Amino acid sequence: MRTIHKCPIALVEGSTRLFVHRGAKIVLVDHQIGIPAIWLEVETDQPREEREFIVVGTGHKIPSEYAHIGSFKSDPYVWHIYEKG
């Protein structure tokens, strides 16, 4: 079954590891009630796999092995979400 899942991510230094259905497609990066999250379109019949994400503040170093997946505003800041590739 195809559906949308919301996965909260940590707004702290370090990475967040999520176990999501294989092939999950990121459809939105935002925050809800101040909690950063990634919304993914998933096929629930697929097995789960581990994916790793980091939150980077504007002007902060971005590790080379991560790719940008989205940004969101949480006044007065803008946060940038990257996935390890």
PDB file of N, CA and C in Angstrom:
ATOM      1  N   MET A   1       0.842  -1.179   0.000  1.00  0.00           N
ATOM      2  CA  MET A   1       0.000   0.000   0.000  1.00  0.00           C
ATOM      3  C   MET A   1       0.890   1.246   0.000  1.00  0.00           C
ATOM      4  N   ARG A   2       0.549   2.197  -0.827  1.00  0.00           N
ATOM      5  CA  ARG A   2       1.292   3.448  -0.893  1.00  0.00           C
ATOM      6  C   ARG A   2       0.658   4.447   0.055  1.00  0.00           C
ATOM      7  N   THR A   3       1.500   5.096   0.872  1.00  0.00           N
ATOM      8  CA  THR A   3       1.006   6.052   1.860  1.00  0.00           C
ATOM      9  C   THR A   3       2.097   7.069   2.189  1.00  0.00           C
ATOM     10  N   ILE A   4       1.764   8.052   3.014  1.00  0.00           N
ATOM     11  CA  ILE A   4       2.726   9.057   3.471  1.00  0.00           C
ATOM     12  C   ILE A   4       3.050   8.790   4.942  1.00  0.00           C
ATOM     13  N   HIS A   5       4.329   8.822   5.271  1.00  0.00           N
ATOM     14  CA  HIS A   5       4.769   8.713   6.659  1.00  0.00           C
ATOM     15  C   HIS A   5       5.523   9.980   7.036  1.00  0.00           C
ATOM     16  N   LYS A   6       5.371  10.396   8.288  1.00  0.00           N
ATOM     17  CA  LYS A   6       6.113  11.548   8.813  1.00  0.00           C
ATOM     18  C   LYS A   6       7.148  11.019   9.786  1.00  0.00           C
ATOM     19  N   CYS A   7       8.396  11.478   9.626  1.00  0.00           N
ATOM     20  CA  CYS A   7       9.488  11.047  10.499  1.00  0.00           C
ATOM     21  C   CYS A   7      10.142  12.277  11.121  1.00  0.00           C
ATOM     22  N   PRO A   8       9.982  12.477  12.427  1.00  0.00           N
ATOM     23  CA  PRO A   8      10.669  13.591  13.090  1.00  0.00           C
ATOM     24  C   PRO A   8      12.186  13.402  13.038  1.00  0.00           C
ATOM     25  N   ILE A   9      12.904  14.502  12.947  1.00  0.00           N
ATOM     26  CA  ILE A   9      14.365  14.447  12.957  1.00  0.00           C
ATOM     27  C   ILE A   9      14.887  15.399  14.023  1.00  0.00           C
ATOM     28  N   ALA A  10      16.051  15.081  14.550  1.00  0.00           N
ATOM     29  CA  ALA A  10      16.626  15.858  15.651  1.00  0.00           C
ATOM     30  C   ALA A  10      17.210  17.176  15.154  1.00  0.00           C
ATOM     31  N   LEU A  11      16.915  18.243  15.872  1.00  0.00           N
ATOM     32  CA  LEU A  11      17.478  19.562  15.565  1.00  0.00           C
ATOM     33  C   LEU A  11      18.656  19.785  16.501  1.00  0.00           C
ATOM     34  N   VAL A  12      19.623  18.867  16.418  1.00  0.00           N
ATOM     35  CA  VAL A  12      20.821  18.910  17.265  1.00  0.00           C
ATOM     36  C   VAL A  12      22.010  18.489  16.421  1.00  0.00           C
ATOM     37  N   GLU A  13      23.204  18.707  16.964  1.00  0.00           N
ATOM     38  CA  GLU A  13      24.393  18.224  16.260  1.00  0.00           C
ATOM     39  C   GLU A  13      24.363  16.715  16.192  1.00  0.00           C
ATOM     40  N   GLY A  14      24.941  16.182  15.133  1.00  0.00           N
ATOM     41  CA  GLY A  14      24.939  14.740  14.941  1.00  0.00           C
ATOM     42  C   GLY A  14      23.868  14.349  13.946  1.00  0.00           C
ATOM     43  N   SER A  15      23.774  13.062  13.702  1.00  0.00           N
ATOM     44  CA  SER A  15      22.854  12.588  12.688  1.00  0.00           C
ATOM     45  C   SER A  15      21.627  11.933  13.306  1.00  0.00           C
ATOM     46  N   THR A  16      20.607  11.825  12.478  1.00  0.00           N
ATOM     47  CA  THR A  16      19.398  11.086  12.820  1.00  0.00           C
ATOM     48  C   THR A  16      19.314   9.912  11.866  1.00  0.00           C
ATOM     49  N   ARG A  17      19.201   8.719  12.416  1.00  0.00           N
ATOM     50  CA  ARG A  17      19.055   7.528  11.586  1.00  0.00           C
ATOM     51  C   ARG A  17      17.594   7.101  11.620  1.00  0.00           C
ATOM     52  N   LEU A  18      17.033   6.918  10.436  1.00  0.00           N
ATOM     53  CA  LEU A  18      15.640   6.503  10.320  1.00  0.00           C
ATOM     54  C   LEU A  18      15.569   5.162   9.610  1.00  0.00           C
ATOM     55  N   PHE A  19      14.660   4.306  10.052  1.00  0.00           N
ATOM     56  CA  PHE A  19      14.408   3.041   9.374  1.00  0.00           C
ATOM     57  C   PHE A  19      13.108   3.217   8.602  1.00  0.00           C
ATOM     58  N   VAL A  20      13.245   3.370   7.290  1.00  0.00           N
ATOM     59  CA  VAL A  20      12.091   3.642   6.429  1.00  0.00           C
ATOM     60  C   VAL A  20      11.992   2.558   5.361  1.00  0.00           C
ATOM     61  N   HIS A  21      10.836   2.476   4.751  1.00  0.00           N
ATOM     62  CA  HIS A  21      10.626   1.474   3.701  1.00  0.00           C
ATOM     63  C   HIS A  21      11.549   1.758   2.515  1.00  0.00           C
ATOM     64  N   ARG A  22      12.142   0.697   1.991  1.00  0.00           N
ATOM     65  CA  ARG A  22      13.061   0.816   0.847  1.00  0.00           C
ATOM     66  C   ARG A  22      12.370   1.564  -0.291  1.00  0.00           C
ATOM     67  N   GLY A  23      13.111   2.489  -0.889  1.00  0.00           N
ATOM     68  CA  GLY A  23      12.587   3.265  -2.009  1.00  0.00           C
ATOM     69  C   GLY A  23      11.724   4.441  -1.594  1.00  0.00           C
ATOM     70  N   ALA A  24      11.642   4.729  -0.291  1.00  0.00           N
ATOM     71  CA  ALA A  24      10.821   5.845   0.187  1.00  0.00           C
ATOM     72  C   ALA A  24      11.258   7.136  -0.496  1.00  0.00           C
ATOM     73  N   LYS A  25      10.290   7.906  -0.953  1.00  0.00           N
ATOM     74  CA  LYS A  25      10.549   9.156  -1.676  1.00  0.00           C
ATOM     75  C   LYS A  25      10.231  10.330  -0.756  1.00  0.00           C
ATOM     76  N   ILE A  26      11.203  11.215  -0.570  1.00  0.00           N
ATOM     77  CA  ILE A  26      10.993  12.403   0.262  1.00  0.00           C
ATOM     78  C   ILE A  26      10.105  13.376  -0.500  1.00  0.00           C
ATOM     79  N   VAL A  27       9.000  13.778   0.138  1.00  0.00           N
ATOM     80  CA  VAL A  27       8.072  14.701  -0.509  1.00  0.00           C
ATOM     81  C   VAL A  27       8.015  16.068   0.165  1.00  0.00           C
ATOM     82  N   LEU A  28       8.472  16.146   1.427  1.00  0.00           N
ATOM     83  CA  LEU A  28       8.449  17.424   2.134  1.00  0.00           C
ATOM     84  C   LEU A  28       9.432  17.409   3.288  1.00  0.00           C
ATOM     85  N   VAL A  29      10.103  18.540   3.482  1.00  0.00           N
ATOM     86  CA  VAL A  29      10.924  18.781   4.668  1.00  0.00           C
ATOM     87  C   VAL A  29      10.371  20.059   5.283  1.00  0.00           C
ATOM     88  N   ASP A  30       9.964  19.986   6.550  1.00  0.00           N
ATOM     89  CA  ASP A  30       9.369  21.159   7.206  1.00  0.00           C
ATOM     90  C   ASP A  30       9.377  20.916   8.711  1.00  0.00           C
ATOM     91  N   HIS A  31       8.626  21.700   9.432  1.00  0.00           N
ATOM     92  CA  HIS A  31       8.473  21.464  10.861  1.00  0.00           C
ATOM     93  C   HIS A  31       6.997  21.560  11.197  1.00  0.00           C
ATOM     94  N   GLN A  32       6.616  20.872  12.253  1.00  0.00           N
ATOM     95  CA  GLN A  32       5.242  20.894  12.716  1.00  0.00           C
ATOM     96  C   GLN A  32       5.282  21.097  14.226  1.00  0.00           C
ATOM     97  N   ILE A  33       4.698  22.170  14.692  1.00  0.00           N
ATOM     98  CA  ILE A  33       4.737  22.555  16.098  1.00  0.00           C
ATOM     99  C   ILE A  33       6.192  22.644  16.580  1.00  0.00           C
ATOM    100  N   GLY A  34       7.056  23.191  15.713  1.00  0.00           N
ATOM    101  CA  GLY A  34       8.454  23.396  16.071  1.00  0.00           C
ATOM    102  C   GLY A  34       9.340  22.167  15.985  1.00  0.00           C
ATOM    103  N   ILE A  35       8.808  21.024  15.579  1.00  0.00           N
ATOM    104  CA  ILE A  35       9.602  19.792  15.482  1.00  0.00           C
ATOM    105  C   ILE A  35       9.908  19.513  14.013  1.00  0.00           C
ATOM    106  N   PRO A  36      11.203  19.511  13.632  1.00  0.00           N
ATOM    107  CA  PRO A  36      11.563  19.223  12.247  1.00  0.00           C
ATOM    108  C   PRO A  36      11.142  17.800  11.876  1.00  0.00           C
ATOM    109  N   ALA A  37      10.725  17.644  10.620  1.00  0.00           N
ATOM    110  CA  ALA A  37      10.307  16.325  10.161  1.00  0.00           C
ATOM    111  C   ALA A  37      10.511  16.200   8.659  1.00  0.00           C
ATOM    112  N   ILE A  38      10.556  14.943   8.225  1.00  0.00           N
ATOM    113  CA  ILE A  38      10.611  14.605   6.807  1.00  0.00           C
ATOM    114  C   ILE A  38       9.353  13.794   6.525  1.00  0.00           C
ATOM    115  N   TRP A  39       8.627  14.160   5.473  1.00  0.00           N
ATOM    116  CA  TRP A  39       7.477  13.380   5.041  1.00  0.00           C
ATOM    117  C   TRP A  39       7.904  12.565   3.829  1.00  0.00           C
ATOM    118  N   LEU A  40       7.591  11.276   3.867  1.00  0.00           N
ATOM    119  CA  LEU A  40       8.012  10.359   2.814  1.00  0.00           C
ATOM    120  C   LEU A  40       6.822   9.602   2.241  1.00  0.00           C
ATOM    121  N   GLU A  41       6.843   9.417   0.935  1.00  0.00           N
ATOM    122  CA  GLU A  41       5.873   8.534   0.293  1.00  0.00           C
ATOM    123  C   GLU A  41       6.491   7.140   0.300  1.00  0.00           C
ATOM    124  N   VAL A  42       5.779   6.179   0.854  1.00  0.00           N
ATOM    125  CA  VAL A  42       6.345   4.833   1.004  1.00  0.00           C
ATOM    126  C   VAL A  42       5.393   3.777   0.460  1.00  0.00           C
ATOM    127  N   GLU A  43       5.965   2.655   0.097  1.00  0.00           N
ATOM    128  CA  GLU A  43       5.216   1.432  -0.212  1.00  0.00           C
ATOM    129  C   GLU A  43       5.378   0.550   1.010  1.00  0.00           C
ATOM    130  N   THR A  44       4.306   0.347   1.763  1.00  0.00           N
ATOM    131  CA  THR A  44       4.416  -0.346   3.045  1.00  0.00           C
ATOM    132  C   THR A  44       4.755  -1.827   2.916  1.00  0.00           C
ATOM    133  N   ASP A  45       4.660  -2.387   1.709  1.00  0.00           N
ATOM    134  CA  ASP A  45       5.033  -3.793   1.533  1.00  0.00           C
ATOM    135  C   ASP A  45       6.538  -3.973   1.312  1.00  0.00           C
ATOM    136  N   GLN A  46       7.290  -2.876   1.222  1.00  0.00           N
ATOM    137  CA  GLN A  46       8.739  -2.942   1.048  1.00  0.00           C
ATOM    138  C   GLN A  46       9.423  -3.125   2.405  1.00  0.00           C
ATOM    139  N   PRO A  47      10.563  -3.836   2.424  1.00  0.00           N
ATOM    140  CA  PRO A  47      11.309  -3.963   3.688  1.00  0.00           C
ATOM    141  C   PRO A  47      11.895  -2.605   4.079  1.00  0.00           C
ATOM    142  N   ARG A  48      12.242  -2.477   5.332  1.00  0.00           N
ATOM    143  CA  ARG A  48      12.825  -1.215   5.819  1.00  0.00           C
ATOM    144  C   ARG A  48      14.341  -1.223   5.653  1.00  0.00           C
ATOM    145  N   GLU A  49      14.867  -0.014   5.492  1.00  0.00           N
ATOM    146  CA  GLU A  49      16.310   0.183   5.398  1.00  0.00           C
ATOM    147  C   GLU A  49      16.666   1.416   6.220  1.00  0.00           C
ATOM    148  N   GLU A  50      17.926   1.495   6.634  1.00  0.00           N
ATOM    149  CA  GLU A  50      18.384   2.631   7.422  1.00  0.00           C
ATOM    150  C   GLU A  50      18.856   3.749   6.507  1.00  0.00           C
ATOM    151  N   ARG A  51      18.419   4.976   6.811  1.00  0.00           N
ATOM    152  CA  ARG A  51      18.882   6.171   6.103  1.00  0.00           C
ATOM    153  C   ARG A  51      19.302   7.182   7.153  1.00  0.00           C
ATOM    154  N   GLU A  52      20.327   7.978   6.815  1.00  0.00           N
ATOM    155  CA  GLU A  52      20.915   8.903   7.785  1.00  0.00           C
ATOM    156  C   GLU A  52      20.783  10.342   7.306  1.00  0.00           C
ATOM    157  N   PHE A  53      20.364  11.218   8.226  1.00  0.00           N
ATOM    158  CA  PHE A  53      20.115  12.626   7.918  1.00  0.00           C
ATOM    159  C   PHE A  53      20.811  13.516   8.944  1.00  0.00           C
ATOM    160  N   ILE A  54      21.159  14.736   8.518  1.00  0.00           N
ATOM    161  CA  ILE A  54      21.676  15.743   9.438  1.00  0.00           C
ATOM    162  C   ILE A  54      20.951  17.062   9.174  1.00  0.00           C
ATOM    163  N   VAL A  55      20.914  17.887  10.215  1.00  0.00           N
ATOM    164  CA  VAL A  55      20.370  19.236  10.118  1.00  0.00           C
ATOM    165  C   VAL A  55      21.553  20.191  10.206  1.00  0.00           C
ATOM    166  N   VAL A  56      21.621  21.116   9.252  1.00  0.00           N
ATOM    167  CA  VAL A  56      22.736  22.064   9.186  1.00  0.00           C
ATOM    168  C   VAL A  56      22.178  23.480   9.220  1.00  0.00           C
ATOM    169  N   GLY A  57      22.755  24.299  10.073  1.00  0.00           N
ATOM    170  CA  GLY A  57      22.365  25.704  10.118  1.00  0.00           C
ATOM    171  C   GLY A  57      23.058  26.487   9.014  1.00  0.00           C
ATOM    172  N   THR A  58      22.461  27.593   8.612  1.00  0.00           N
ATOM    173  CA  THR A  58      23.065  28.456   7.599  1.00  0.00           C
ATOM    174  C   THR A  58      24.451  28.884   8.070  1.00  0.00           C
ATOM    175  N   GLY A  59      25.441  28.760   7.181  1.00  0.00           N
ATOM    176  CA  GLY A  59      26.808  29.152   7.493  1.00  0.00           C
ATOM    177  C   GLY A  59      27.629  28.052   8.146  1.00  0.00           C
ATOM    178  N   HIS A  60      27.026  26.902   8.439  1.00  0.00           N
ATOM    179  CA  HIS A  60      27.754  25.802   9.067  1.00  0.00           C
ATOM    180  C   HIS A  60      28.330  24.853   8.022  1.00  0.00           C
ATOM    181  N   LYS A  61      29.331  24.093   8.418  1.00  0.00           N
ATOM    182  CA  LYS A  61      30.009  23.158   7.518  1.00  0.00           C
ATOM    183  C   LYS A  61      29.067  22.018   7.113  1.00  0.00           C
ATOM    184  N   ILE A  62      29.150  21.632   5.833  1.00  0.00           N
ATOM    185  CA  ILE A  62      28.366  20.522   5.291  1.00  0.00           C
ATOM    186  C   ILE A  62      29.332  19.397   4.943  1.00  0.00           C
ATOM    187  N   PRO A  63      29.216  18.240   5.580  1.00  0.00           N
ATOM    188  CA  PRO A  63      30.089  17.115   5.241  1.00  0.00           C
ATOM    189  C   PRO A  63      29.887  16.704   3.777  1.00  0.00           C
ATOM    190  N   SER A  64      30.974  16.381   3.096  1.00  0.00           N
ATOM    191  CA  SER A  64      30.929  16.109   1.655  1.00  0.00           C
ATOM    192  C   SER A  64      30.088  14.897   1.270  1.00  0.00           C
ATOM    193  N   GLU A  65      29.890  13.954   2.189  1.00  0.00           N
ATOM    194  CA  GLU A  65      29.148  12.736   1.838  1.00  0.00           C
ATOM    195  C   GLU A  65      27.625  12.901   1.959  1.00  0.00           C
ATOM    196  N   TYR A  66      27.156  14.105   2.233  1.00  0.00           N
ATOM    197  CA  TYR A  66      25.726  14.366   2.387  1.00  0.00           C
ATOM    198  C   TYR A  66      25.205  15.211   1.231  1.00  0.00           C
ATOM    199  N   ALA A  67      23.956  14.943   0.822  1.00  0.00           N
ATOM    200  CA  ALA A  67      23.303  15.690  -0.262  1.00  0.00           C
ATOM    201  C   ALA A  67      22.067  16.409   0.291  1.00  0.00           C
ATOM    202  N   HIS A  68      21.851  17.628  -0.171  1.00  0.00           N
ATOM    203  CA  HIS A  68      20.727  18.453   0.285  1.00  0.00           C
ATOM    204  C   HIS A  68      19.407  17.840  -0.162  1.00  0.00           C
ATOM    205  N   ILE A  69      18.440  17.753   0.777  1.00  0.00           N
ATOM    206  CA  ILE A  69      17.113  17.248   0.413  1.00  0.00           C
ATOM    207  C   ILE A  69      16.018  18.273   0.643  1.00  0.00           C
ATOM    208  N   GLY A  70      16.317  19.326   1.407  1.00  0.00           N
ATOM    209  CA  GLY A  70      15.300  20.348   1.637  1.00  0.00           C
ATOM    210  C   GLY A  70      15.697  21.292   2.751  1.00  0.00           C
ATOM    211  N   SER A  71      15.014  22.425   2.807  1.00  0.00           N
ATOM    212  CA  SER A  71      15.245  23.438   3.840  1.00  0.00           C
ATOM    213  C   SER A  71      13.899  23.912   4.350  1.00  0.00           C
ATOM    214  N   PHE A  72      13.900  24.463   5.564  1.00  0.00           N
ATOM    215  CA  PHE A  72      12.670  25.019   6.105  1.00  0.00           C
ATOM    216  C   PHE A  72      13.009  26.172   7.039  1.00  0.00           C
ATOM    217  N   LYS A  73      12.041  27.096   7.192  1.00  0.00           N
ATOM    218  CA  LYS A  73      12.205  28.228   8.088  1.00  0.00           C
ATOM    219  C   LYS A  73      11.547  27.926   9.418  1.00  0.00           C
ATOM    220  N   SER A  74      12.239  28.289  10.473  1.00  0.00           N
ATOM    221  CA  SER A  74      11.699  28.241  11.824  1.00  0.00           C
ATOM    222  C   SER A  74      12.222  29.503  12.493  1.00  0.00           C
ATOM    223  N   ASP A  75      11.451  30.581  12.338  1.00  0.00           N
ATOM    224  CA  ASP A  75      11.918  31.918  12.728  1.00  0.00           C
ATOM    225  C   ASP A  75      12.650  31.913  14.062  1.00  0.00           C
ATOM    226  N   PRO A  76      13.785  32.546  14.104  1.00  0.00           N
ATOM    227  CA  PRO A  76      14.377  33.403  13.081  1.00  0.00           C
ATOM    228  C   PRO A  76      15.393  32.675  12.198  1.00  0.00           C
ATOM    229  N   TYR A  77      15.386  31.344  12.198  1.00  0.00           N
ATOM    230  CA  TYR A  77      16.421  30.576  11.504  1.00  0.00           C
ATOM    231  C   TYR A  77      15.890  29.879  10.254  1.00  0.00           C
ATOM    232  N   VAL A  78      16.836  29.501   9.392  1.00  0.00           N
ATOM    233  CA  VAL A  78      16.553  28.607   8.269  1.00  0.00           C
ATOM    234  C   VAL A  78      17.443  27.394   8.463  1.00  0.00           C
ATOM    235  N   TRP A  79      16.847  26.200   8.424  1.00  0.00           N
ATOM    236  CA  TRP A  79      17.568  24.941   8.617  1.00  0.00           C
ATOM    237  C   TRP A  79      17.603  24.171   7.308  1.00  0.00           C
ATOM    238  N   HIS A  80      18.669  23.400   7.112  1.00  0.00           N
ATOM    239  CA  HIS A  80      18.896  22.673   5.871  1.00  0.00           C
ATOM    240  C   HIS A  80      19.099  21.201   6.219  1.00  0.00           C
ATOM    241  N   ILE A  81      18.358  20.333   5.541  1.00  0.00           N
ATOM    242  CA  ILE A  81      18.395  18.901   5.814  1.00  0.00           C
ATOM    243  C   ILE A  81      19.175  18.205   4.705  1.00  0.00           C
ATOM    244  N   TYR A  82      20.102  17.348   5.121  1.00  0.00           N
ATOM    245  CA  TYR A  82      20.966  16.607   4.197  1.00  0.00           C
ATOM    246  C   TYR A  82      20.860  15.121   4.495  1.00  0.00           C
ATOM    247  N   GLU A  83      20.949  14.328   3.422  1.00  0.00           N
ATOM    248  CA  GLU A  83      20.943  12.871   3.577  1.00  0.00           C
ATOM    249  C   GLU A  83      22.286  12.304   3.153  1.00  0.00           C
ATOM    250  N   LYS A  84      22.773  11.363   3.953  1.00  0.00           N
ATOM    251  CA  LYS A  84      24.043  10.713   3.632  1.00  0.00           C
ATOM    252  C   LYS A  84      23.843   9.837   2.405  1.00  0.00           C
ATOM    253  N   GLY A  85      24.753   9.994   1.440  1.00  0.00           N
ATOM    254  CA  GLY A  85      24.597   9.273   0.180  1.00  0.00           C
ATOM    255  C   GLY A  85      25.456   8.114  -0.012  1.00  0.00           C
TER     256      GLY A  85
END
